[in-house]
Amino acid sequence: MPVREYRFAPPRRWKLDFAFVPEKVAVEIEGGTWGGKSRHTTGTGFNKDCEKYNTAEVLGWTVIRGDSKMVKDGSLLAFAERAIKAKQEAQ
């Protein structure tokens, strides 16, 4: 079961939208990809997201990113399940 808004790198205040903690698989849902306004789609916001995602990867997290369309059609969850399975098989 995923944890919502999991803080993964204290003392940084970064949170992962959803985290499968034992498997270290994160799911990040990007806002504003279909014409809406979001800090994620600004140059500064994108840059800060890159820093956050790269830090998560360096700490051993697999970061699965998607948008609202992928949430609705189920493909984002399918990617997360594939990542969890791959990590379990690698152990």
PDB file of N, CA and C in Angstrom:
ATOM      1  N   MET A   1       0.839  -1.184   0.000  1.00  0.00           N
ATOM      2  CA  MET A   1       0.000   0.000   0.000  1.00  0.00           C
ATOM      3  C   MET A   1       0.884   1.247   0.000  1.00  0.00           C
ATOM      4  N   PRO A   2       0.626   2.182  -0.892  1.00  0.00           N
ATOM      5  CA  PRO A   2       1.477   3.365  -0.954  1.00  0.00           C
ATOM      6  C   PRO A   2       1.177   4.363   0.168  1.00  0.00           C
ATOM      7  N   VAL A   3       2.205   5.113   0.527  1.00  0.00           N
ATOM      8  CA  VAL A   3       2.079   6.212   1.474  1.00  0.00           C
ATOM      9  C   VAL A   3       1.948   7.486   0.654  1.00  0.00           C
ATOM     10  N   ARG A   4       0.999   8.314   0.997  1.00  0.00           N
ATOM     11  CA  ARG A   4       0.797   9.568   0.275  1.00  0.00           C
ATOM     12  C   ARG A   4       1.659  10.666   0.885  1.00  0.00           C
ATOM     13  N   GLU A   5       2.263  11.485   0.035  1.00  0.00           N
ATOM     14  CA  GLU A   5       3.101  12.614   0.431  1.00  0.00           C
ATOM     15  C   GLU A   5       4.186  12.201   1.424  1.00  0.00           C
ATOM     16  N   TYR A   6       4.978  11.243   0.994  1.00  0.00           N
ATOM     17  CA  TYR A   6       6.047  10.690   1.820  1.00  0.00           C
ATOM     18  C   TYR A   6       7.290  11.578   1.740  1.00  0.00           C
ATOM     19  N   ARG A   7       7.784  11.985   2.883  1.00  0.00           N
ATOM     20  CA  ARG A   7       8.984  12.819   2.962  1.00  0.00           C
ATOM     21  C   ARG A   7      10.204  11.914   2.949  1.00  0.00           C
ATOM     22  N   PHE A   8      10.982  11.978   1.865  1.00  0.00           N
ATOM     23  CA  PHE A   8      12.012  10.968   1.626  1.00  0.00           C
ATOM     24  C   PHE A   8      13.439  11.418   1.883  1.00  0.00           C
ATOM     25  N   ALA A   9      13.675  12.711   2.082  1.00  0.00           N
ATOM     26  CA  ALA A   9      15.053  13.180   2.205  1.00  0.00           C
ATOM     27  C   ALA A   9      15.193  14.275   3.261  1.00  0.00           C
ATOM     28  N   PRO A  10      14.776  13.988   4.513  1.00  0.00           N
ATOM     29  CA  PRO A  10      14.952  15.013   5.536  1.00  0.00           C
ATOM     30  C   PRO A  10      16.419  15.409   5.634  1.00  0.00           C
ATOM     31  N   PRO A  11      16.761  16.629   5.902  1.00  0.00           N
ATOM     32  CA  PRO A  11      15.886  17.718   6.343  1.00  0.00           C
ATOM     33  C   PRO A  11      15.178  18.456   5.214  1.00  0.00           C
ATOM     34  N   ARG A  12      15.409  18.051   3.947  1.00  0.00           N
ATOM     35  CA  ARG A  12      14.677  18.675   2.843  1.00  0.00           C
ATOM     36  C   ARG A  12      13.194  18.453   3.052  1.00  0.00           C
ATOM     37  N   ARG A  13      12.408  19.363   2.544  1.00  0.00           N
ATOM     38  CA  ARG A  13      10.957  19.261   2.731  1.00  0.00           C
ATOM     39  C   ARG A  13      10.272  18.582   1.551  1.00  0.00           C
ATOM     40  N   TRP A  14      11.059  17.975   0.685  1.00  0.00           N
ATOM     41  CA  TRP A  14      10.500  17.297  -0.475  1.00  0.00           C
ATOM     42  C   TRP A  14       9.589  16.152  -0.051  1.00  0.00           C
ATOM     43  N   LYS A  15       8.510  15.987  -0.808  1.00  0.00           N
ATOM     44  CA  LYS A  15       7.597  14.861  -0.594  1.00  0.00           C
ATOM     45  C   LYS A  15       7.342  14.186  -1.936  1.00  0.00           C
ATOM     46  N   LEU A  16       7.231  12.875  -1.885  1.00  0.00           N
ATOM     47  CA  LEU A  16       6.832  12.100  -3.059  1.00  0.00           C
ATOM     48  C   LEU A  16       5.310  11.994  -3.034  1.00  0.00           C
ATOM     49  N   ASP A  17       4.655  12.143  -4.179  1.00  0.00           N
ATOM     50  CA  ASP A  17       3.193  12.079  -4.199  1.00  0.00           C
ATOM     51  C   ASP A  17       2.702  10.766  -3.590  1.00  0.00           C
ATOM     52  N   PHE A  18       3.272   9.666  -4.042  1.00  0.00           N
ATOM     53  CA  PHE A  18       2.966   8.347  -3.492  1.00  0.00           C
ATOM     54  C   PHE A  18       4.267   7.569  -3.400  1.00  0.00           C
ATOM     55  N   ALA A  19       4.437   6.821  -2.326  1.00  0.00           N
ATOM     56  CA  ALA A  19       5.662   6.047  -2.146  1.00  0.00           C
ATOM     57  C   ALA A  19       5.332   4.641  -1.676  1.00  0.00           C
ATOM     58  N   PHE A  20       5.847   3.672  -2.398  1.00  0.00           N
ATOM     59  CA  PHE A  20       5.831   2.289  -1.954  1.00  0.00           C
ATOM     60  C   PHE A  20       7.153   2.130  -1.213  1.00  0.00           C
ATOM     61  N   VAL A  21       7.116   2.369   0.092  1.00  0.00           N
ATOM     62  CA  VAL A  21       8.334   2.562   0.879  1.00  0.00           C
ATOM     63  C   VAL A  21       9.246   1.338   0.909  1.00  0.00           C
ATOM     64  N   PRO A  22       8.759   0.138   1.239  1.00  0.00           N
ATOM     65  CA  PRO A  22       9.685  -1.000   1.290  1.00  0.00           C
ATOM     66  C   PRO A  22      10.407  -1.244  -0.031  1.00  0.00           C
ATOM     67  N   GLU A  23       9.720  -1.007  -1.146  1.00  0.00           N
ATOM     68  CA  GLU A  23      10.299  -1.252  -2.470  1.00  0.00           C
ATOM     69  C   GLU A  23      11.065  -0.046  -3.003  1.00  0.00           C
ATOM     70  N   LYS A  24      10.904   1.106  -2.351  1.00  0.00           N
ATOM     71  CA  LYS A  24      11.507   2.373  -2.777  1.00  0.00           C
ATOM     72  C   LYS A  24      11.098   2.717  -4.213  1.00  0.00           C
ATOM     73  N   VAL A  25       9.784   2.644  -4.463  1.00  0.00           N
ATOM     74  CA  VAL A  25       9.214   3.061  -5.744  1.00  0.00           C
ATOM     75  C   VAL A  25       8.318   4.264  -5.472  1.00  0.00           C
ATOM     76  N   ALA A  26       8.606   5.361  -6.168  1.00  0.00           N
ATOM     77  CA  ALA A  26       7.840   6.598  -6.006  1.00  0.00           C
ATOM     78  C   ALA A  26       6.988   6.845  -7.240  1.00  0.00           C
ATOM     79  N   VAL A  27       5.801   7.400  -7.024  1.00  0.00           N
ATOM     80  CA  VAL A  27       4.926   7.794  -8.123  1.00  0.00           C
ATOM     81  C   VAL A  27       4.698   9.295  -7.994  1.00  0.00           C
ATOM     82  N   GLU A  28       5.064  10.017  -9.040  1.00  0.00           N
ATOM     83  CA  GLU A  28       4.897  11.462  -9.072  1.00  0.00           C
ATOM     84  C   GLU A  28       3.908  11.817 -10.176  1.00  0.00           C
ATOM     85  N   ILE A  29       2.881  12.580  -9.817  1.00  0.00           N
ATOM     86  CA  ILE A  29       1.865  13.010 -10.777  1.00  0.00           C
ATOM     87  C   ILE A  29       2.127  14.474 -11.110  1.00  0.00           C
ATOM     88  N   GLU A  30       2.445  14.721 -12.371  1.00  0.00           N
ATOM     89  CA  GLU A  30       2.785  16.068 -12.817  1.00  0.00           C
ATOM     90  C   GLU A  30       1.518  16.854 -13.128  1.00  0.00           C
ATOM     91  N   GLY A  31       1.469  18.073 -12.642  1.00  0.00           N
ATOM     92  CA  GLY A  31       0.319  18.944 -12.888  1.00  0.00           C
ATOM     93  C   GLY A  31       0.546  19.837 -14.091  1.00  0.00           C
ATOM     94  N   GLY A  32      -0.531  20.339 -14.636  1.00  0.00           N
ATOM     95  CA  GLY A  32      -0.452  21.343 -15.689  1.00  0.00           C
ATOM     96  C   GLY A  32      -0.002  20.856 -17.046  1.00  0.00           C
ATOM     97  N   THR A  33      -0.012  19.545 -17.275  1.00  0.00           N
ATOM     98  CA  THR A  33       0.508  19.044 -18.544  1.00  0.00           C
ATOM     99  C   THR A  33      -0.473  19.205 -19.700  1.00  0.00           C
ATOM    100  N   TRP A  34      -1.729  19.427 -19.401  1.00  0.00           N
ATOM    101  CA  TRP A  34      -2.736  19.538 -20.466  1.00  0.00           C
ATOM    102  C   TRP A  34      -3.307  20.955 -20.530  1.00  0.00           C
ATOM    103  N   GLY A  35      -2.419  21.957 -20.393  1.00  0.00           N
ATOM    104  CA  GLY A  35      -2.838  23.343 -20.565  1.00  0.00           C
ATOM    105  C   GLY A  35      -3.164  24.065 -19.276  1.00  0.00           C
ATOM    106  N   GLY A  36      -3.193  23.365 -18.161  1.00  0.00           N
ATOM    107  CA  GLY A  36      -3.444  24.032 -16.891  1.00  0.00           C
ATOM    108  C   GLY A  36      -2.201  24.747 -16.399  1.00  0.00           C
ATOM    109  N   LYS A  37      -2.379  25.584 -15.403  1.00  0.00           N
ATOM    110  CA  LYS A  37      -1.233  26.299 -14.853  1.00  0.00           C
ATOM    111  C   LYS A  37      -0.683  25.513 -13.677  1.00  0.00           C
ATOM    112  N   SER A  38       0.626  25.364 -13.664  1.00  0.00           N
ATOM    113  CA  SER A  38       1.282  24.620 -12.603  1.00  0.00           C
ATOM    114  C   SER A  38       2.717  25.092 -12.500  1.00  0.00           C
ATOM    115  N   ARG A  39       3.261  25.093 -11.313  1.00  0.00           N
ATOM    116  CA  ARG A  39       4.670  25.455 -11.141  1.00  0.00           C
ATOM    117  C   ARG A  39       5.565  24.437 -11.831  1.00  0.00           C
ATOM    118  N   HIS A  40       5.067  23.222 -12.031  1.00  0.00           N
ATOM    119  CA  HIS A  40       5.858  22.176 -12.676  1.00  0.00           C
ATOM    120  C   HIS A  40       6.199  22.510 -14.125  1.00  0.00           C
ATOM    121  N   THR A  41       5.403  23.357 -14.756  1.00  0.00           N
ATOM    122  CA  THR A  41       5.620  23.654 -16.165  1.00  0.00           C
ATOM    123  C   THR A  41       6.408  24.942 -16.388  1.00  0.00           C
ATOM    124  N   THR A  42       6.853  25.582 -15.320  1.00  0.00           N
ATOM    125  CA  THR A  42       7.724  26.747 -15.459  1.00  0.00           C
ATOM    126  C   THR A  42       9.178  26.271 -15.484  1.00  0.00           C
ATOM    127  N   GLY A  43      10.049  27.095 -15.974  1.00  0.00           N
ATOM    128  CA  GLY A  43      11.461  26.732 -15.992  1.00  0.00           C
ATOM    129  C   GLY A  43      11.997  26.455 -14.601  1.00  0.00           C
ATOM    130  N   THR A  44      11.690  27.328 -13.659  1.00  0.00           N
ATOM    131  CA  THR A  44      12.162  27.143 -12.276  1.00  0.00           C
ATOM    132  C   THR A  44      11.556  25.903 -11.653  1.00  0.00           C
ATOM    133  N   GLY A  45      10.261  25.697 -11.849  1.00  0.00           N
ATOM    134  CA  GLY A  45       9.595  24.528 -11.284  1.00  0.00           C
ATOM    135  C   GLY A  45      10.146  23.232 -11.847  1.00  0.00           C
ATOM    136  N   PHE A  46      10.358  23.203 -13.153  1.00  0.00           N
ATOM    137  CA  PHE A  46      10.920  22.014 -13.788  1.00  0.00           C
ATOM    138  C   PHE A  46      12.309  21.729 -13.235  1.00  0.00           C
ATOM    139  N   ASN A  47      13.131  22.785 -13.086  1.00  0.00           N
ATOM    140  CA  ASN A  47      14.475  22.639 -12.549  1.00  0.00           C
ATOM    141  C   ASN A  47      14.446  22.058 -11.136  1.00  0.00           C
ATOM    142  N   LYS A  48      13.556  22.555 -10.293  1.00  0.00           N
ATOM    143  CA  LYS A  48      13.460  22.056  -8.911  1.00  0.00           C
ATOM    144  C   LYS A  48      12.966  20.618  -8.880  1.00  0.00           C
ATOM    145  N   ASP A  49      12.041  20.283  -9.775  1.00  0.00           N
ATOM    146  CA  ASP A  49      11.573  18.900  -9.859  1.00  0.00           C
ATOM    147  C   ASP A  49      12.713  17.973 -10.267  1.00  0.00           C
ATOM    148  N   CYS A  50      13.546  18.414 -11.205  1.00  0.00           N
ATOM    149  CA  CYS A  50      14.698  17.600 -11.621  1.00  0.00           C
ATOM    150  C   CYS A  50      15.620  17.343 -10.437  1.00  0.00           C
ATOM    151  N   GLU A  51      15.883  18.360  -9.641  1.00  0.00           N
ATOM    152  CA  GLU A  51      16.734  18.187  -8.457  1.00  0.00           C
ATOM    153  C   GLU A  51      16.120  17.173  -7.489  1.00  0.00           C
ATOM    154  N   LYS A  52      14.831  17.282  -7.261  1.00  0.00           N
ATOM    155  CA  LYS A  52      14.128  16.357  -6.365  1.00  0.00           C
ATOM    156  C   LYS A  52      14.174  14.928  -6.901  1.00  0.00           C
ATOM    157  N   TYR A  53      13.831  14.736  -8.159  1.00  0.00           N
ATOM    158  CA  TYR A  53      13.802  13.392  -8.733  1.00  0.00           C
ATOM    159  C   TYR A  53      15.198  12.774  -8.783  1.00  0.00           C
ATOM    160  N   ASN A  54      16.191  13.567  -9.134  1.00  0.00           N
ATOM    161  CA  ASN A  54      17.557  13.056  -9.179  1.00  0.00           C
ATOM    162  C   ASN A  54      18.048  12.665  -7.794  1.00  0.00           C
ATOM    163  N   THR A  55      17.706  13.452  -6.782  1.00  0.00           N
ATOM    164  CA  THR A  55      18.078  13.104  -5.410  1.00  0.00           C
ATOM    165  C   THR A  55      17.422  11.798  -5.000  1.00  0.00           C
ATOM    166  N   ALA A  56      16.160  11.624  -5.337  1.00  0.00           N
ATOM    167  CA  ALA A  56      15.460  10.374  -5.019  1.00  0.00           C
ATOM    168  C   ALA A  56      16.171   9.192  -5.680  1.00  0.00           C
ATOM    169  N   GLU A  57      16.541   9.333  -6.930  1.00  0.00           N
ATOM    170  CA  GLU A  57      17.237   8.255  -7.644  1.00  0.00           C
ATOM    171  C   GLU A  57      18.577   7.935  -6.988  1.00  0.00           C
ATOM    172  N   VAL A  58      19.337   8.961  -6.613  1.00  0.00           N
ATOM    173  CA  VAL A  58      20.631   8.748  -5.966  1.00  0.00           C
ATOM    174  C   VAL A  58      20.446   8.006  -4.640  1.00  0.00           C
ATOM    175  N   LEU A  59      19.326   8.252  -3.967  1.00  0.00           N
ATOM    176  CA  LEU A  59      19.032   7.578  -2.696  1.00  0.00           C
ATOM    177  C   LEU A  59      18.418   6.194  -2.883  1.00  0.00           C
ATOM    178  N   GLY A  60      18.334   5.723  -4.132  1.00  0.00           N
ATOM    179  CA  GLY A  60      17.864   4.367  -4.384  1.00  0.00           C
ATOM    180  C   GLY A  60      16.404   4.227  -4.767  1.00  0.00           C
ATOM    181  N   TRP A  61      15.705   5.337  -4.932  1.00  0.00           N
ATOM    182  CA  TRP A  61      14.303   5.291  -5.329  1.00  0.00           C
ATOM    183  C   TRP A  61      14.190   5.154  -6.843  1.00  0.00           C
ATOM    184  N   THR A  62      13.178   4.426  -7.285  1.00  0.00           N
ATOM    185  CA  THR A  62      12.766   4.439  -8.681  1.00  0.00           C
ATOM    186  C   THR A  62      11.598   5.406  -8.761  1.00  0.00           C
ATOM    187  N   VAL A  63      11.711   6.419  -9.609  1.00  0.00           N
ATOM    188  CA  VAL A  63      10.676   7.443  -9.709  1.00  0.00           C
ATOM    189  C   VAL A  63       9.882   7.223 -10.994  1.00  0.00           C
ATOM    190  N   ILE A  64       8.593   6.962 -10.839  1.00  0.00           N
ATOM    191  CA  ILE A  64       7.672   6.785 -11.954  1.00  0.00           C
ATOM    192  C   ILE A  64       6.856   8.068 -12.066  1.00  0.00           C
ATOM    193  N   ARG A  65       6.948   8.714 -13.223  1.00  0.00           N
ATOM    194  CA  ARG A  65       6.270   9.997 -13.415  1.00  0.00           C
ATOM    195  C   ARG A  65       5.142   9.862 -14.423  1.00  0.00           C
ATOM    196  N   GLY A  66       4.078  10.622 -14.190  1.00  0.00           N
ATOM    197  CA  GLY A  66       2.973  10.607 -15.132  1.00  0.00           C
ATOM    198  C   GLY A  66       2.087  11.813 -14.950  1.00  0.00           C
ATOM    199  N   ASP A  67       1.008  11.844 -15.719  1.00  0.00           N
ATOM    200  CA  ASP A  67       0.059  12.951 -15.632  1.00  0.00           C
ATOM    201  C   ASP A  67      -1.345  12.423 -15.374  1.00  0.00           C
ATOM    202  N   SER A  68      -2.308  13.336 -15.340  1.00  0.00           N
ATOM    203  CA  SER A  68      -3.680  12.945 -15.000  1.00  0.00           C
ATOM    204  C   SER A  68      -4.264  11.941 -15.989  1.00  0.00           C
ATOM    205  N   LYS A  69      -3.891  12.043 -17.262  1.00  0.00           N
ATOM    206  CA  LYS A  69      -4.383  11.087 -18.262  1.00  0.00           C
ATOM    207  C   LYS A  69      -3.913   9.669 -17.915  1.00  0.00           C
ATOM    208  N   MET A  70      -2.666   9.546 -17.480  1.00  0.00           N
ATOM    209  CA  MET A  70      -2.117   8.234 -17.125  1.00  0.00           C
ATOM    210  C   MET A  70      -2.753   7.690 -15.847  1.00  0.00           C
ATOM    211  N   VAL A  71      -3.151   8.577 -14.943  1.00  0.00           N
ATOM    212  CA  VAL A  71      -3.869   8.131 -13.739  1.00  0.00           C
ATOM    213  C   VAL A  71      -5.220   7.562 -14.154  1.00  0.00           C
ATOM    214  N   LYS A  72      -5.928   8.310 -14.993  1.00  0.00           N
ATOM    215  CA  LYS A  72      -7.273   7.904 -15.406  1.00  0.00           C
ATOM    216  C   LYS A  72      -7.294   6.614 -16.206  1.00  0.00           C
ATOM    217  N   ASP A  73      -6.303   6.422 -17.092  1.00  0.00           N
ATOM    218  CA  ASP A  73      -6.332   5.211 -17.915  1.00  0.00           C
ATOM    219  C   ASP A  73      -5.640   4.012 -17.255  1.00  0.00           C
ATOM    220  N   GLY A  74      -5.071   4.221 -16.067  1.00  0.00           N
ATOM    221  CA  GLY A  74      -4.478   3.120 -15.318  1.00  0.00           C
ATOM    222  C   GLY A  74      -3.028   2.809 -15.663  1.00  0.00           C
ATOM    223  N   SER A  75      -2.488   3.509 -16.658  1.00  0.00           N
ATOM    224  CA  SER A  75      -1.127   3.178 -17.077  1.00  0.00           C
ATOM    225  C   SER A  75      -0.069   3.594 -16.048  1.00  0.00           C
ATOM    226  N   LEU A  76      -0.317   4.638 -15.275  1.00  0.00           N
ATOM    227  CA  LEU A  76       0.665   5.050 -14.268  1.00  0.00           C
ATOM    228  C   LEU A  76       0.792   3.986 -13.180  1.00  0.00           C
ATOM    229  N   LEU A  77      -0.322   3.469 -12.722  1.00  0.00           N
ATOM    230  CA  LEU A  77      -0.301   2.393 -11.736  1.00  0.00           C
ATOM    231  C   LEU A  77       0.368   1.140 -12.315  1.00  0.00           C
ATOM    232  N   ALA A  78       0.102   0.847 -13.578  1.00  0.00           N
ATOM    233  CA  ALA A  78       0.729  -0.320 -14.214  1.00  0.00           C
ATOM    234  C   ALA A  78       2.252  -0.176 -14.248  1.00  0.00           C
ATOM    235  N   PHE A  79       2.745   1.025 -14.535  1.00  0.00           N
ATOM    236  CA  PHE A  79       4.200   1.250 -14.510  1.00  0.00           C
ATOM    237  C   PHE A  79       4.755   1.052 -13.100  1.00  0.00           C
ATOM    238  N   ALA A  80       4.044   1.554 -12.096  1.00  0.00           N
ATOM    239  CA  ALA A  80       4.497   1.386 -10.704  1.00  0.00           C
ATOM    240  C   ALA A  80       4.536  -0.096 -10.336  1.00  0.00           C
ATOM    241  N   GLU A  81       3.523  -0.834 -10.723  1.00  0.00           N
ATOM    242  CA  GLU A  81       3.499  -2.273 -10.431  1.00  0.00           C
ATOM    243  C   GLU A  81       4.650  -2.999 -11.118  1.00  0.00           C
ATOM    244  N   ARG A  82       4.961  -2.607 -12.353  1.00  0.00           N
ATOM    245  CA  ARG A  82       6.094  -3.211 -13.067  1.00  0.00           C
ATOM    246  C   ARG A  82       7.418  -2.893 -12.374  1.00  0.00           C
ATOM    247  N   ALA A  83       7.553  -1.664 -11.878  1.00  0.00           N
ATOM    248  CA  ALA A  83       8.779  -1.275 -11.176  1.00  0.00           C
ATOM    249  C   ALA A  83       8.936  -2.061  -9.883  1.00  0.00           C
ATOM    250  N   ILE A  84       7.844  -2.234  -9.150  1.00  0.00           N
ATOM    251  CA  ILE A  84       7.883  -3.002  -7.904  1.00  0.00           C
ATOM    252  C   ILE A  84       8.273  -4.444  -8.200  1.00  0.00           C
ATOM    253  N   LYS A  85       7.660  -5.025  -9.209  1.00  0.00           N
ATOM    254  CA  LYS A  85       7.964  -6.408  -9.575  1.00  0.00           C
ATOM    255  C   LYS A  85       9.433  -6.558  -9.974  1.00  0.00           C
ATOM    256  N   ALA A  86       9.947  -5.621 -10.758  1.00  0.00           N
ATOM    257  CA  ALA A  86      11.345  -5.683 -11.190  1.00  0.00           C
ATOM    258  C   ALA A  86      12.295  -5.593 -10.005  1.00  0.00           C
ATOM    259  N   LYS A  87      11.982  -4.734  -9.038  1.00  0.00           N
ATOM    260  CA  LYS A  87      12.833  -4.620  -7.859  1.00  0.00           C
ATOM    261  C   LYS A  87      12.787  -5.883  -7.023  1.00  0.00           C
ATOM    262  N   GLN A  88      11.594  -6.478  -6.891  1.00  0.00           N
ATOM    263  CA  GLN A  88      11.469  -7.710  -6.104  1.00  0.00           C
ATOM    264  C   GLN A  88      12.240  -8.851  -6.774  1.00  0.00           C
ATOM    265  N   GLU A  89      12.186  -8.929  -8.089  1.00  0.00           N
ATOM    266  CA  GLU A  89      12.885  -9.995  -8.811  1.00  0.00           C
ATOM    267  C   GLU A  89      14.403  -9.814  -8.756  1.00  0.00           C
ATOM    268  N   ALA A  90      14.859  -8.579  -8.617  1.00  0.00           N
ATOM    269  CA  ALA A  90      16.303  -8.302  -8.569  1.00  0.00           C
ATOM    270  C   ALA A  90      16.933  -8.649  -7.220  1.00  0.00           C
ATOM    271  N   GLN A  91      16.107  -8.846  -6.224  1.00  0.00           N
ATOM    272  CA  GLN A  91      16.643  -9.133  -4.876  1.00  0.00           C
ATOM    273  C   GLN A  91      17.093 -10.554  -4.740  1.00  0.00           C
TER     274      GLN A  91
END
